[in-house]
Amino acid sequence: MSTPEAAIEYLTTTKIGEKGQLTVPKRCREDLGLGIGAPFAVLRLGDALLLLPELQRFEHLCEQVTATLTAAGVRPRTILETLPQVRKRLFHCRYGTTGSVTVVSRRRCRAAARTDQP
């Protein structure tokens, strides 16, 4: 199987079934740890389709978020410490003081949250 450094590697040819399904070769599924129902992002690159397991896409997104927060000097503890206050503001914005569901636009909710900040 290819390593992450390999740019392109021909693996096999497959066919589209009656319902538009593709079969991912067993060796590829095993190497990538893909099980039944594993989600994929389907990307179009010119006349080519790229199949990207969602787990890899999610891991890449996590790496980007971590790098951005680290560069900004934000620590996980700081984020975790603010969660109770943010949850309380969002609950109040969404449900008010009576606890009944109130339809509030995201823009109004964000504006209200900004005015509550110390």
N, C-alpha and C. Protein backbone atom coordinates (compact mmCIF):
# COMPACT_ATOMS: atom_id res chain seq x y z
N MET A 1 0.84 -1.18 0.00
CA MET A 1 0.00 0.00 0.00
C MET A 1 0.88 1.23 0.00
N SER A 2 0.35 2.35 -0.46
CA SER A 2 1.13 3.56 -0.55
C SER A 2 1.37 4.17 0.82
N THR A 3 2.41 4.95 0.89
CA THR A 3 2.71 5.70 2.10
C THR A 3 2.18 7.11 1.91
N PRO A 4 2.03 7.89 2.98
CA PRO A 4 1.53 9.25 2.84
C PRO A 4 2.39 10.12 1.92
N GLU A 5 3.67 9.79 1.74
CA GLU A 5 4.54 10.59 0.89
C GLU A 5 4.30 10.34 -0.59
N ALA A 6 3.70 9.19 -0.96
CA ALA A 6 3.48 8.87 -2.37
C ALA A 6 2.40 9.78 -2.93
N ALA A 7 2.69 10.41 -4.06
CA ALA A 7 1.72 11.33 -4.66
C ALA A 7 0.57 10.57 -5.30
N ILE A 8 0.87 9.67 -6.23
CA ILE A 8 -0.17 8.91 -6.91
C ILE A 8 0.33 7.48 -7.09
N GLU A 9 -0.55 6.55 -6.85
CA GLU A 9 -0.22 5.13 -7.02
C GLU A 9 -1.43 4.44 -7.62
N TYR A 10 -1.24 3.75 -8.74
CA TYR A 10 -2.33 2.98 -9.34
C TYR A 10 -2.57 1.76 -8.48
N LEU A 11 -3.84 1.52 -8.10
CA LEU A 11 -4.16 0.40 -7.26
C LEU A 11 -4.91 -0.68 -8.00
N THR A 12 -5.99 -0.33 -8.64
CA THR A 12 -6.82 -1.31 -9.33
C THR A 12 -7.87 -0.58 -10.15
N THR A 13 -8.63 -1.35 -10.89
CA THR A 13 -9.77 -0.81 -11.61
C THR A 13 -11.02 -1.40 -10.98
N THR A 14 -12.06 -0.59 -10.87
CA THR A 14 -13.32 -1.05 -10.31
C THR A 14 -14.45 -0.57 -11.20
N LYS A 15 -15.65 -1.08 -11.01
CA LYS A 15 -16.80 -0.70 -11.82
C LYS A 15 -17.87 -0.08 -10.95
N ILE A 16 -18.68 0.74 -11.59
CA ILE A 16 -19.85 1.30 -10.91
C ILE A 16 -20.98 0.29 -11.05
N GLY A 17 -21.58 -0.05 -9.92
CA GLY A 17 -22.68 -1.01 -9.91
C GLY A 17 -23.99 -0.38 -10.35
N GLU A 18 -25.06 -1.19 -10.34
CA GLU A 18 -26.38 -0.73 -10.78
C GLU A 18 -26.89 0.48 -10.00
N LYS A 19 -26.56 0.55 -8.74
CA LYS A 19 -27.05 1.65 -7.89
C LYS A 19 -26.01 2.77 -7.77
N GLY A 20 -25.00 2.78 -8.64
CA GLY A 20 -23.98 3.83 -8.60
C GLY A 20 -22.91 3.60 -7.54
N GLN A 21 -22.85 2.40 -7.00
CA GLN A 21 -21.89 2.10 -5.94
C GLN A 21 -20.54 1.67 -6.52
N LEU A 22 -19.48 2.07 -5.82
CA LEU A 22 -18.13 1.64 -6.16
C LEU A 22 -17.64 0.67 -5.10
N THR A 23 -16.83 -0.28 -5.50
CA THR A 23 -16.22 -1.20 -4.56
C THR A 23 -14.79 -0.75 -4.30
N VAL A 24 -14.47 -0.50 -3.04
CA VAL A 24 -13.10 -0.16 -2.66
C VAL A 24 -12.39 -1.48 -2.40
N PRO A 25 -11.26 -1.72 -3.05
CA PRO A 25 -10.56 -3.00 -2.88
C PRO A 25 -10.30 -3.32 -1.40
N LYS A 26 -10.40 -4.59 -1.07
CA LYS A 26 -10.25 -5.05 0.32
C LYS A 26 -8.95 -4.58 0.93
N ARG A 27 -7.86 -4.69 0.18
CA ARG A 27 -6.54 -4.29 0.69
C ARG A 27 -6.54 -2.81 1.08
N CYS A 28 -7.17 -1.97 0.28
CA CYS A 28 -7.25 -0.54 0.58
C CYS A 28 -8.08 -0.30 1.83
N ARG A 29 -9.22 -0.98 1.92
CA ARG A 29 -10.08 -0.82 3.10
C ARG A 29 -9.33 -1.22 4.37
N GLU A 30 -8.61 -2.33 4.30
CA GLU A 30 -7.86 -2.80 5.47
C GLU A 30 -6.74 -1.83 5.82
N ASP A 31 -5.97 -1.39 4.82
CA ASP A 31 -4.85 -0.48 5.08
C ASP A 31 -5.30 0.84 5.66
N LEU A 32 -6.48 1.31 5.25
CA LEU A 32 -6.98 2.60 5.72
C LEU A 32 -7.93 2.47 6.91
N GLY A 33 -8.20 1.23 7.32
CA GLY A 33 -9.09 1.00 8.45
C GLY A 33 -10.53 1.39 8.19
N LEU A 34 -11.00 1.14 6.98
CA LEU A 34 -12.36 1.52 6.58
C LEU A 34 -13.31 0.35 6.75
N GLY A 35 -14.41 0.60 7.42
CA GLY A 35 -15.42 -0.43 7.61
C GLY A 35 -16.66 -0.11 6.79
N ILE A 36 -17.66 -0.96 6.91
CA ILE A 36 -18.92 -0.77 6.21
C ILE A 36 -19.53 0.55 6.67
N GLY A 37 -19.96 1.35 5.73
CA GLY A 37 -20.60 2.62 6.04
C GLY A 37 -19.64 3.77 6.30
N ALA A 38 -18.34 3.54 6.10
CA ALA A 38 -17.36 4.62 6.32
C ALA A 38 -17.67 5.78 5.37
N PRO A 39 -17.80 6.99 5.90
CA PRO A 39 -18.12 8.14 5.03
C PRO A 39 -16.91 8.63 4.24
N PHE A 40 -17.18 9.08 3.03
CA PHE A 40 -16.16 9.61 2.14
C PHE A 40 -16.59 10.97 1.62
N ALA A 41 -15.62 11.84 1.45
CA ALA A 41 -15.86 13.08 0.71
C ALA A 41 -15.51 12.76 -0.73
N VAL A 42 -16.35 13.19 -1.67
CA VAL A 42 -16.09 12.98 -3.09
C VAL A 42 -15.73 14.33 -3.69
N LEU A 43 -14.52 14.44 -4.19
CA LEU A 43 -14.03 15.69 -4.75
C LEU A 43 -13.82 15.52 -6.25
N ARG A 44 -14.14 16.56 -7.00
CA ARG A 44 -13.92 16.52 -8.45
C ARG A 44 -12.70 17.37 -8.76
N LEU A 45 -11.78 16.79 -9.51
CA LEU A 45 -10.58 17.48 -9.95
C LEU A 45 -10.49 17.30 -11.46
N GLY A 46 -11.05 18.25 -12.20
CA GLY A 46 -11.13 18.11 -13.65
C GLY A 46 -12.01 16.94 -14.00
N ASP A 47 -11.46 15.98 -14.75
CA ASP A 47 -12.21 14.78 -15.13
C ASP A 47 -12.01 13.63 -14.13
N ALA A 48 -11.36 13.91 -13.01
CA ALA A 48 -11.07 12.87 -12.03
C ALA A 48 -11.93 13.04 -10.78
N LEU A 49 -12.17 11.95 -10.09
CA LEU A 49 -12.84 11.97 -8.79
C LEU A 49 -11.84 11.52 -7.75
N LEU A 50 -11.80 12.24 -6.65
CA LEU A 50 -10.95 11.86 -5.52
C LEU A 50 -11.86 11.43 -4.39
N LEU A 51 -11.58 10.29 -3.82
CA LEU A 51 -12.35 9.79 -2.69
C LEU A 51 -11.48 9.97 -1.45
N LEU A 52 -11.96 10.74 -0.50
CA LEU A 52 -11.19 11.04 0.69
C LEU A 52 -11.98 10.59 1.92
N PRO A 53 -11.45 9.61 2.65
CA PRO A 53 -12.17 9.18 3.86
C PRO A 53 -12.38 10.37 4.78
N GLU A 54 -13.60 10.54 5.28
CA GLU A 54 -13.94 11.68 6.14
C GLU A 54 -13.06 11.74 7.37
N LEU A 55 -12.64 10.60 7.91
CA LEU A 55 -11.78 10.61 9.09
C LEU A 55 -10.49 11.37 8.81
N GLN A 56 -9.89 11.13 7.63
CA GLN A 56 -8.67 11.85 7.28
C GLN A 56 -8.94 13.33 7.14
N ARG A 57 -10.07 13.69 6.55
CA ARG A 57 -10.43 15.10 6.39
C ARG A 57 -10.64 15.75 7.76
N PHE A 58 -11.30 15.03 8.66
CA PHE A 58 -11.54 15.54 10.00
C PHE A 58 -10.22 15.71 10.75
N GLU A 59 -9.33 14.72 10.65
CA GLU A 59 -8.03 14.81 11.32
C GLU A 59 -7.23 16.01 10.79
N HIS A 60 -7.29 16.24 9.49
CA HIS A 60 -6.59 17.38 8.89
C HIS A 60 -7.18 18.69 9.42
N LEU A 61 -8.50 18.76 9.52
CA LEU A 61 -9.15 19.95 10.05
C LEU A 61 -8.72 20.19 11.50
N CYS A 62 -8.66 19.12 12.30
CA CYS A 62 -8.23 19.24 13.69
C CYS A 62 -6.80 19.77 13.78
N GLU A 63 -5.93 19.29 12.91
CA GLU A 63 -4.55 19.77 12.89
C GLU A 63 -4.49 21.26 12.56
N GLN A 64 -5.32 21.70 11.61
CA GLN A 64 -5.35 23.11 11.24
C GLN A 64 -5.86 23.97 12.39
N VAL A 65 -6.92 23.52 13.05
CA VAL A 65 -7.47 24.27 14.18
C VAL A 65 -6.44 24.35 15.31
N THR A 66 -5.80 23.23 15.61
CA THR A 66 -4.78 23.20 16.66
C THR A 66 -3.65 24.17 16.35
N ALA A 67 -3.17 24.14 15.10
CA ALA A 67 -2.07 25.04 14.72
C ALA A 67 -2.49 26.50 14.83
N THR A 68 -3.70 26.82 14.42
CA THR A 68 -4.19 28.19 14.48
C THR A 68 -4.31 28.67 15.92
N LEU A 69 -4.91 27.84 16.78
CA LEU A 69 -5.07 28.22 18.18
C LEU A 69 -3.73 28.33 18.89
N THR A 70 -2.82 27.42 18.59
CA THR A 70 -1.49 27.45 19.19
C THR A 70 -0.75 28.72 18.78
N ALA A 71 -0.84 29.07 17.50
CA ALA A 71 -0.18 30.28 17.01
C ALA A 71 -0.76 31.53 17.66
N ALA A 72 -2.05 31.48 18.01
CA ALA A 72 -2.70 32.63 18.65
C ALA A 72 -2.49 32.63 20.17
N GLY A 73 -1.82 31.60 20.68
CA GLY A 73 -1.55 31.52 22.11
C GLY A 73 -2.73 31.03 22.94
N VAL A 74 -3.72 30.43 22.30
CA VAL A 74 -4.90 29.93 23.01
C VAL A 74 -4.61 28.51 23.48
N ARG A 75 -4.87 28.28 24.76
CA ARG A 75 -4.63 26.96 25.35
C ARG A 75 -5.96 26.23 25.57
N PRO A 76 -5.94 24.90 25.49
CA PRO A 76 -7.18 24.13 25.70
C PRO A 76 -7.87 24.46 27.02
N ARG A 77 -7.09 24.66 28.08
CA ARG A 77 -7.68 24.95 29.40
C ARG A 77 -8.51 26.25 29.34
N THR A 78 -8.02 27.25 28.61
CA THR A 78 -8.73 28.52 28.48
C THR A 78 -10.09 28.30 27.82
N ILE A 79 -10.10 27.51 26.77
CA ILE A 79 -11.35 27.22 26.06
C ILE A 79 -12.31 26.47 26.97
N LEU A 80 -11.82 25.45 27.66
CA LEU A 80 -12.67 24.66 28.54
C LEU A 80 -13.24 25.50 29.68
N GLU A 81 -12.45 26.44 30.19
CA GLU A 81 -12.92 27.28 31.29
C GLU A 81 -14.06 28.21 30.85
N THR A 82 -14.12 28.57 29.59
CA THR A 82 -15.17 29.48 29.11
C THR A 82 -16.45 28.75 28.71
N LEU A 83 -16.41 27.44 28.58
CA LEU A 83 -17.59 26.70 28.11
C LEU A 83 -18.84 26.90 28.96
N PRO A 84 -18.78 26.82 30.30
CA PRO A 84 -20.01 27.00 31.07
C PRO A 84 -20.67 28.36 30.83
N GLN A 85 -19.87 29.42 30.76
CA GLN A 85 -20.41 30.76 30.53
C GLN A 85 -21.03 30.86 29.13
N VAL A 86 -20.37 30.31 28.14
CA VAL A 86 -20.88 30.36 26.77
C VAL A 86 -22.16 29.54 26.65
N ARG A 87 -22.19 28.37 27.25
CA ARG A 87 -23.41 27.54 27.22
C ARG A 87 -24.58 28.28 27.86
N LYS A 88 -24.32 28.93 28.99
CA LYS A 88 -25.37 29.66 29.68
C LYS A 88 -25.92 30.79 28.81
N ARG A 89 -25.02 31.55 28.17
CA ARG A 89 -25.45 32.64 27.29
C ARG A 89 -26.26 32.12 26.12
N LEU A 90 -25.79 31.02 25.51
CA LEU A 90 -26.51 30.45 24.36
C LEU A 90 -27.88 29.93 24.77
N PHE A 91 -27.94 29.27 25.93
CA PHE A 91 -29.23 28.77 26.42
C PHE A 91 -30.18 29.93 26.64
N HIS A 92 -29.70 30.98 27.30
CA HIS A 92 -30.54 32.15 27.58
C HIS A 92 -30.99 32.80 26.27
N CYS A 93 -30.09 32.91 25.31
CA CYS A 93 -30.42 33.52 24.03
C CYS A 93 -31.48 32.69 23.30
N ARG A 94 -31.31 31.39 23.34
CA ARG A 94 -32.21 30.51 22.59
C ARG A 94 -33.56 30.31 23.29
N TYR A 95 -33.53 30.12 24.61
CA TYR A 95 -34.75 29.76 25.33
C TYR A 95 -35.28 30.85 26.26
N GLY A 96 -34.53 31.91 26.45
CA GLY A 96 -34.97 32.98 27.34
C GLY A 96 -34.98 32.53 28.79
N THR A 97 -35.60 33.31 29.63
CA THR A 97 -35.64 32.99 31.06
C THR A 97 -36.76 32.02 31.41
N THR A 98 -37.76 31.90 30.53
CA THR A 98 -38.91 31.03 30.83
C THR A 98 -38.65 29.58 30.45
N GLY A 99 -37.63 29.34 29.63
CA GLY A 99 -37.34 27.99 29.20
C GLY A 99 -38.14 27.55 27.99
N SER A 100 -39.00 28.41 27.46
CA SER A 100 -39.77 28.04 26.28
C SER A 100 -38.94 28.34 25.03
N VAL A 101 -39.18 27.59 23.99
CA VAL A 101 -38.41 27.75 22.75
C VAL A 101 -38.75 29.09 22.11
N THR A 102 -37.72 29.86 21.80
CA THR A 102 -37.88 31.14 21.14
C THR A 102 -37.06 31.09 19.86
N VAL A 103 -37.67 31.46 18.76
CA VAL A 103 -36.92 31.47 17.51
C VAL A 103 -36.15 32.78 17.44
N VAL A 104 -34.84 32.65 17.50
CA VAL A 104 -33.96 33.81 17.48
C VAL A 104 -32.93 33.59 16.39
N SER A 105 -32.70 34.60 15.59
CA SER A 105 -31.71 34.44 14.52
C SER A 105 -30.32 34.32 15.13
N ARG A 106 -29.44 33.65 14.43
CA ARG A 106 -28.06 33.51 14.90
C ARG A 106 -27.40 34.87 15.06
N ARG A 107 -27.71 35.79 14.15
CA ARG A 107 -27.11 37.12 14.20
C ARG A 107 -27.49 37.83 15.50
N ARG A 108 -28.79 37.78 15.86
CA ARG A 108 -29.24 38.42 17.11
C ARG A 108 -28.62 37.74 18.31
N CYS A 109 -28.51 36.42 18.26
CA CYS A 109 -27.94 35.68 19.38
C CYS A 109 -26.47 36.04 19.55
N ARG A 110 -25.74 36.12 18.46
CA ARG A 110 -24.32 36.50 18.54
C ARG A 110 -24.17 37.92 19.07
N ALA A 111 -25.02 38.81 18.59
CA ALA A 111 -24.95 40.21 19.05
C ALA A 111 -25.22 40.28 20.54
N ALA A 112 -26.20 39.53 21.02
CA ALA A 112 -26.51 39.52 22.44
C ALA A 112 -25.34 38.94 23.24
N ALA A 113 -24.71 37.91 22.72
CA ALA A 113 -23.58 37.28 23.40
C ALA A 113 -22.41 38.25 23.51
N ARG A 114 -22.19 39.06 22.47
CA ARG A 114 -21.08 40.02 22.49
C ARG A 114 -21.32 41.11 23.54
N THR A 115 -22.56 41.52 23.71
CA THR A 115 -22.84 42.57 24.68
C THR A 115 -22.75 42.08 26.10
N ASP A 116 -22.86 40.74 26.30
CA ASP A 116 -22.76 40.15 27.64
C ASP A 116 -21.32 39.95 28.08
N GLN A 117 -20.39 40.03 27.16
CA GLN A 117 -19.00 39.73 27.50
C GLN A 117 -18.43 40.81 28.41
N PRO A 118 -17.58 40.39 29.37
CA PRO A 118 -16.98 41.36 30.30
C PRO A 118 -15.96 42.23 29.60
